N, C-alpha and C. Protein backbone atom coordinates (compact mmCIF):
# COMPACT_ATOMS: atom_id res chain seq x y z
N MET A 1 78.17 101.20 80.13
CA MET A 1 78.45 102.52 80.67
C MET A 1 79.69 102.98 80.06
N LYS A 2 79.88 104.27 79.97
CA LYS A 2 80.94 104.94 79.53
C LYS A 2 82.13 104.98 80.52
N ILE A 3 83.31 105.39 80.05
CA ILE A 3 84.41 105.21 81.04
C ILE A 3 84.28 106.18 82.35
N GLY A 4 83.56 107.34 82.20
CA GLY A 4 83.42 108.12 83.45
C GLY A 4 82.52 107.51 84.39
N GLU A 5 81.46 106.91 83.88
CA GLU A 5 80.54 106.04 84.71
C GLU A 5 81.16 104.80 85.43
N ALA A 6 82.04 104.19 84.56
CA ALA A 6 82.70 103.04 85.00
C ALA A 6 83.67 103.43 86.13
N SER A 7 84.30 104.50 85.94
CA SER A 7 85.24 105.04 86.92
C SER A 7 84.53 105.32 88.19
N ARG A 8 83.47 106.04 88.19
CA ARG A 8 82.60 106.33 89.41
C ARG A 8 82.13 104.98 90.10
N ALA A 9 81.77 104.11 89.24
CA ALA A 9 81.11 102.74 89.77
C ALA A 9 82.10 101.88 90.33
N SER A 10 83.37 101.96 89.91
CA SER A 10 84.39 101.10 90.41
C SER A 10 85.29 101.72 91.42
N GLY A 11 85.24 103.08 91.48
CA GLY A 11 86.21 103.72 92.29
C GLY A 11 87.58 103.87 91.73
N VAL A 12 87.79 103.60 90.46
CA VAL A 12 89.16 103.56 89.80
C VAL A 12 89.17 104.62 88.72
N SER A 13 90.24 105.32 88.61
CA SER A 13 90.28 106.47 87.69
C SER A 13 90.14 105.98 86.25
N ALA A 14 89.70 106.85 85.39
CA ALA A 14 89.65 106.50 83.94
C ALA A 14 91.02 106.20 83.47
N ARG A 15 91.99 106.80 83.90
CA ARG A 15 93.36 106.51 83.51
C ARG A 15 93.76 105.08 83.87
N SER A 16 93.37 104.59 85.13
CA SER A 16 93.69 103.32 85.45
C SER A 16 92.88 102.34 84.67
N LEU A 17 91.67 102.56 84.24
CA LEU A 17 90.94 101.73 83.47
C LEU A 17 91.55 101.51 82.18
N ARG A 18 92.02 102.61 81.53
CA ARG A 18 92.76 102.53 80.26
C ARG A 18 94.05 101.69 80.42
N HIS A 19 94.80 101.88 81.61
CA HIS A 19 95.98 101.03 81.83
C HIS A 19 95.68 99.63 81.95
N TYR A 20 94.59 99.24 82.67
CA TYR A 20 94.21 97.89 82.81
C TYR A 20 93.92 97.33 81.46
N GLU A 21 93.29 98.02 80.60
CA GLU A 21 92.99 97.53 79.20
C GLU A 21 94.34 97.40 78.44
N ASP A 22 95.20 98.40 78.60
CA ASP A 22 96.52 98.38 77.87
C ASP A 22 97.36 97.02 78.35
N GLU A 23 97.17 96.68 79.62
CA GLU A 23 97.89 95.53 80.20
C GLU A 23 97.16 94.23 79.84
N GLY A 24 96.03 94.29 79.25
CA GLY A 24 95.22 93.04 78.94
C GLY A 24 94.46 92.54 80.10
N LEU A 25 94.22 93.28 81.09
CA LEU A 25 93.51 92.83 82.22
C LEU A 25 91.95 92.90 82.00
N ILE A 26 91.54 93.86 81.27
CA ILE A 26 90.18 93.99 80.88
C ILE A 26 90.07 94.22 79.51
N VAL A 27 88.82 93.91 78.91
CA VAL A 27 88.54 94.14 77.44
C VAL A 27 87.12 94.77 77.40
N PRO A 28 86.94 96.05 77.56
CA PRO A 28 85.73 96.67 77.47
C PRO A 28 85.19 96.54 75.97
N GLY A 29 83.85 96.51 75.97
CA GLY A 29 83.23 96.62 74.60
C GLY A 29 83.46 97.89 73.95
N ARG A 30 82.99 98.15 72.73
CA ARG A 30 83.01 99.44 72.12
C ARG A 30 81.63 99.70 71.45
N CYS A 31 81.45 101.06 71.60
CA CYS A 31 80.17 101.50 71.08
C CYS A 31 80.37 101.76 69.55
N SER A 32 79.39 101.99 68.78
CA SER A 32 79.50 102.29 67.39
C SER A 32 80.34 103.55 67.14
N ASN A 33 80.49 104.50 68.03
CA ASN A 33 81.24 105.67 67.90
C ASN A 33 82.72 105.40 68.37
N GLY A 34 83.08 104.16 68.75
CA GLY A 34 84.38 103.86 69.25
C GLY A 34 84.65 103.99 70.60
N PHE A 35 83.62 104.64 71.37
CA PHE A 35 83.84 104.80 72.84
C PHE A 35 83.80 103.50 73.59
N ARG A 36 84.56 103.44 74.63
CA ARG A 36 84.59 102.23 75.45
C ARG A 36 83.22 101.96 76.08
N ASP A 37 82.79 100.76 76.26
CA ASP A 37 81.57 100.39 76.89
C ASP A 37 81.80 99.33 77.89
N TYR A 38 81.50 99.69 79.15
CA TYR A 38 81.85 98.89 80.22
C TYR A 38 80.63 98.26 80.89
N CYS A 39 80.60 96.96 80.94
CA CYS A 39 79.43 96.25 81.57
C CYS A 39 79.74 95.90 82.97
N GLN A 40 78.69 95.43 83.68
CA GLN A 40 78.85 95.11 85.22
C GLN A 40 79.94 94.13 85.42
N SER A 41 79.98 93.08 84.53
CA SER A 41 81.03 92.06 84.84
C SER A 41 82.40 92.68 84.59
N THR A 42 82.58 93.65 83.78
CA THR A 42 83.92 94.29 83.69
C THR A 42 84.29 95.16 84.96
N ILE A 43 83.17 95.72 85.47
CA ILE A 43 83.37 96.51 86.69
C ILE A 43 83.75 95.59 87.86
N ASP A 44 83.04 94.46 87.92
CA ASP A 44 83.38 93.40 88.96
C ASP A 44 84.79 92.93 88.75
N ARG A 45 85.28 92.70 87.57
CA ARG A 45 86.66 92.27 87.33
C ARG A 45 87.68 93.54 87.77
N VAL A 46 87.30 94.64 87.45
CA VAL A 46 88.11 95.86 87.88
C VAL A 46 88.33 95.87 89.42
N LEU A 47 87.22 95.58 90.17
CA LEU A 47 87.27 95.52 91.67
C LEU A 47 88.25 94.41 92.11
N VAL A 48 88.24 93.23 91.43
CA VAL A 48 89.20 92.19 91.77
C VAL A 48 90.59 92.63 91.47
N ILE A 49 90.84 93.24 90.29
CA ILE A 49 92.19 93.68 89.96
C ILE A 49 92.68 94.73 90.93
N ARG A 50 91.79 95.67 91.28
CA ARG A 50 92.20 96.69 92.29
C ARG A 50 92.60 96.13 93.63
N SER A 51 91.76 95.08 94.03
CA SER A 51 92.15 94.42 95.31
C SER A 51 93.50 93.73 95.23
N LEU A 52 93.75 93.08 94.19
CA LEU A 52 95.01 92.30 94.06
C LEU A 52 96.26 93.24 93.86
N LEU A 53 96.01 94.39 93.18
CA LEU A 53 97.06 95.45 93.08
C LEU A 53 97.31 96.04 94.41
N GLU A 54 96.34 96.28 95.19
CA GLU A 54 96.47 96.89 96.46
C GLU A 54 97.17 95.99 97.50
N SER A 55 97.01 94.68 97.25
CA SER A 55 97.73 93.75 98.09
C SER A 55 99.20 93.61 97.79
N GLY A 56 99.61 94.24 96.60
CA GLY A 56 100.96 94.42 96.31
C GLY A 56 101.37 93.29 95.21
N LEU A 57 100.42 92.68 94.68
CA LEU A 57 100.86 91.69 93.61
C LEU A 57 101.12 92.36 92.17
N PRO A 58 102.08 91.96 91.62
CA PRO A 58 102.49 92.56 90.24
C PRO A 58 101.45 92.23 89.25
N VAL A 59 101.34 93.02 88.27
CA VAL A 59 100.50 93.02 87.14
C VAL A 59 100.72 91.66 86.38
N ARG A 60 101.96 91.31 86.22
CA ARG A 60 102.33 90.05 85.64
C ARG A 60 101.61 88.78 86.20
N LEU A 61 101.58 88.66 87.50
CA LEU A 61 100.92 87.54 88.23
C LEU A 61 99.38 87.69 88.04
N ILE A 62 98.96 88.93 88.24
CA ILE A 62 97.50 89.18 88.10
C ILE A 62 97.03 88.78 86.81
N ARG A 63 97.77 89.07 85.73
CA ARG A 63 97.43 88.76 84.33
C ARG A 63 97.28 87.26 84.17
N GLU A 64 98.16 86.50 84.84
CA GLU A 64 98.18 85.13 84.78
C GLU A 64 96.98 84.38 85.61
N VAL A 65 96.78 85.05 86.68
CA VAL A 65 95.77 84.22 87.61
C VAL A 65 94.27 84.86 87.43
N LEU A 66 94.17 86.03 87.00
CA LEU A 66 92.86 86.61 86.96
C LEU A 66 91.86 85.84 86.10
N PRO A 67 92.23 85.21 84.98
CA PRO A 67 91.14 84.46 84.25
C PRO A 67 90.66 83.27 85.11
N ARG A 68 91.53 82.74 85.87
CA ARG A 68 91.09 81.57 86.75
C ARG A 68 90.43 81.98 87.88
N LEU A 69 90.67 83.32 88.40
CA LEU A 69 89.89 83.67 89.52
C LEU A 69 88.55 84.33 89.26
N THR A 70 88.28 84.61 88.02
CA THR A 70 86.99 85.24 87.64
C THR A 70 86.17 84.42 86.65
N ASP A 71 86.70 83.30 86.20
CA ASP A 71 85.84 82.55 85.27
C ASP A 71 85.05 81.42 85.98
N GLY A 72 85.30 81.21 87.23
CA GLY A 72 84.55 80.16 88.00
C GLY A 72 85.01 78.79 87.73
N SER A 73 86.03 78.59 86.97
CA SER A 73 86.50 77.16 86.72
C SER A 73 87.58 76.83 87.66
N ASP A 74 87.86 75.54 87.98
CA ASP A 74 88.91 75.06 88.81
C ASP A 74 90.04 74.53 88.05
N ALA A 75 90.19 74.67 86.69
CA ALA A 75 91.24 74.28 85.83
C ALA A 75 92.52 74.93 86.37
N GLY A 76 93.42 74.10 86.85
CA GLY A 76 94.81 74.57 87.12
C GLY A 76 94.82 75.37 88.50
N ALA A 77 93.71 75.18 89.25
CA ALA A 77 93.58 75.89 90.46
C ALA A 77 94.70 75.74 91.46
N GLU A 78 95.18 74.55 91.55
CA GLU A 78 96.21 74.30 92.54
C GLU A 78 97.47 74.89 92.20
N VAL A 79 97.80 74.84 90.87
CA VAL A 79 99.04 75.47 90.32
C VAL A 79 99.05 77.03 90.58
N VAL A 80 97.85 77.62 90.20
CA VAL A 80 97.72 79.05 90.35
C VAL A 80 97.71 79.28 91.88
N ARG A 81 97.04 78.66 92.62
CA ARG A 81 96.90 78.88 94.13
C ARG A 81 98.34 78.77 94.67
N GLY A 82 99.13 77.82 94.29
CA GLY A 82 100.51 77.70 94.86
C GLY A 82 101.35 78.91 94.52
N GLU A 83 101.28 79.31 93.19
CA GLU A 83 102.07 80.49 92.74
C GLU A 83 101.65 81.68 93.42
N PHE A 84 100.21 81.89 93.49
CA PHE A 84 99.69 83.03 94.09
C PHE A 84 100.15 83.15 95.57
N LEU A 85 100.09 82.06 96.37
CA LEU A 85 100.48 82.03 97.73
C LEU A 85 102.04 82.37 97.81
N ARG A 86 102.74 81.69 96.96
CA ARG A 86 104.21 82.07 97.10
C ARG A 86 104.46 83.61 96.86
N GLU A 87 103.82 84.20 95.99
CA GLU A 87 103.91 85.63 95.60
C GLU A 87 103.54 86.38 96.76
N VAL A 88 102.38 86.04 97.34
CA VAL A 88 101.82 86.83 98.57
C VAL A 88 102.87 86.69 99.66
N GLN A 89 103.35 85.50 99.95
CA GLN A 89 104.39 85.22 100.95
C GLN A 89 105.71 86.08 100.71
N SER A 90 106.11 86.05 99.49
CA SER A 90 107.24 86.91 99.11
C SER A 90 106.96 88.44 99.43
N TYR A 91 105.86 88.85 99.06
CA TYR A 91 105.58 90.26 99.24
C TYR A 91 105.47 90.47 100.85
N ARG A 92 104.83 89.69 101.55
CA ARG A 92 104.84 89.78 102.97
C ARG A 92 106.28 89.77 103.52
N ASP A 93 107.14 89.05 103.10
CA ASP A 93 108.48 88.89 103.63
C ASP A 93 109.26 90.18 103.25
N ARG A 94 109.13 90.77 102.16
CA ARG A 94 109.67 92.00 101.75
C ARG A 94 109.12 93.18 102.73
N LEU A 95 107.82 93.07 102.92
CA LEU A 95 107.16 94.14 103.73
C LEU A 95 107.69 93.98 105.24
N ALA A 96 107.91 92.84 105.62
CA ALA A 96 108.46 92.64 107.09
C ALA A 96 109.74 93.11 107.11
N ALA A 97 110.73 92.91 106.03
CA ALA A 97 112.04 93.44 106.00
C ALA A 97 111.97 94.93 106.07
N ARG A 98 111.22 95.58 105.29
CA ARG A 98 111.18 97.06 105.28
C ARG A 98 110.72 97.59 106.65
N ILE A 99 109.71 96.86 107.21
CA ILE A 99 109.26 97.32 108.58
C ILE A 99 110.51 97.11 109.64
N ALA A 100 111.16 96.15 109.61
CA ALA A 100 112.36 95.93 110.51
C ALA A 100 113.35 97.04 110.37
N ILE A 101 113.57 97.34 109.04
CA ILE A 101 114.60 98.50 108.77
C ILE A 101 113.96 99.82 109.40
N LEU A 102 112.76 100.10 109.12
CA LEU A 102 112.10 101.40 109.69
C LEU A 102 112.15 101.30 111.16
N SER A 103 111.88 100.17 111.79
CA SER A 103 111.95 100.08 113.21
C SER A 103 113.30 100.43 113.78
N ASP A 104 114.30 99.95 113.12
CA ASP A 104 115.65 100.26 113.58
C ASP A 104 116.00 101.69 113.40
N GLN A 105 115.49 102.27 112.33
CA GLN A 105 115.74 103.77 112.21
C GLN A 105 114.98 104.44 113.20
N GLN A 106 113.76 104.08 113.53
CA GLN A 106 113.01 104.85 114.52
C GLN A 106 113.64 104.61 115.89
N ALA A 107 114.17 103.52 116.19
CA ALA A 107 114.93 103.31 117.53
C ALA A 107 116.11 104.15 117.56
N ALA A 108 116.80 104.30 116.48
CA ALA A 108 117.97 105.11 116.42
C ALA A 108 117.67 106.63 116.63
N LEU A 109 116.56 107.07 115.94
CA LEU A 109 116.06 108.31 116.18
C LEU A 109 115.65 108.70 117.56
N ASP A 110 114.97 107.74 118.08
CA ASP A 110 114.51 107.92 119.49
C ASP A 110 115.72 107.99 120.44
N ALA A 111 116.61 107.27 120.19
CA ALA A 111 117.89 107.29 121.11
C ALA A 111 118.61 108.66 120.93
N TYR A 112 118.58 109.17 119.70
CA TYR A 112 119.23 110.38 119.40
C TYR A 112 118.40 111.59 120.18
N LEU A 113 117.15 111.50 119.99
CA LEU A 113 116.41 112.51 120.69
C LEU A 113 116.34 112.53 122.19
N ARG A 114 116.42 111.27 122.70
CA ARG A 114 116.71 111.16 124.14
C ARG A 114 117.94 111.79 124.59
N GLU A 115 119.00 111.56 123.88
CA GLU A 115 120.36 112.02 124.16
C GLU A 115 120.39 113.58 123.97
N ALA A 116 119.72 113.99 122.99
CA ALA A 116 119.75 115.48 122.70
C ALA A 116 118.91 116.24 123.87
N ARG A 117 117.93 115.67 124.30
CA ARG A 117 117.11 116.28 125.25
C ARG A 117 117.79 116.25 126.69
N ARG A 118 118.58 115.18 126.94
CA ARG A 118 119.30 114.99 128.09
C ARG A 118 120.46 116.01 128.18
N THR A 119 121.00 116.38 127.08
CA THR A 119 122.19 117.36 127.11
C THR A 119 121.69 118.73 127.07
N ASP A 120 120.45 118.99 126.70
CA ASP A 120 119.85 120.34 126.70
C ASP A 120 119.53 120.83 128.07
N ARG A 121 119.46 120.01 129.04
CA ARG A 121 119.08 120.31 130.30
C ARG A 121 120.13 121.03 131.11
């Protein structure tokens, strides 16, 4: 399928598909006219990539683990799994820190609003 069809099938923009290709995450085939040709296995891979990106993992790690996640082999699975879990834990910890900061800011704004409303009466 051409890039527009692949975009609709995967829910990923054509621009993102080209970016994934530039990053070495996917390698679509080529038609005789040079147009990209996406097969179903590439679309399936795009869905995995999208899921990993949405979970906050960097392209660098996705590039490393993706072949092992999609080729069905267990070669090096424990090493990849350990690195993958550390990266996910690190992202979760950064997210928790951001949430804590935002919660503190929200509490400060709530206190300000309570005080402002009290003095307006």
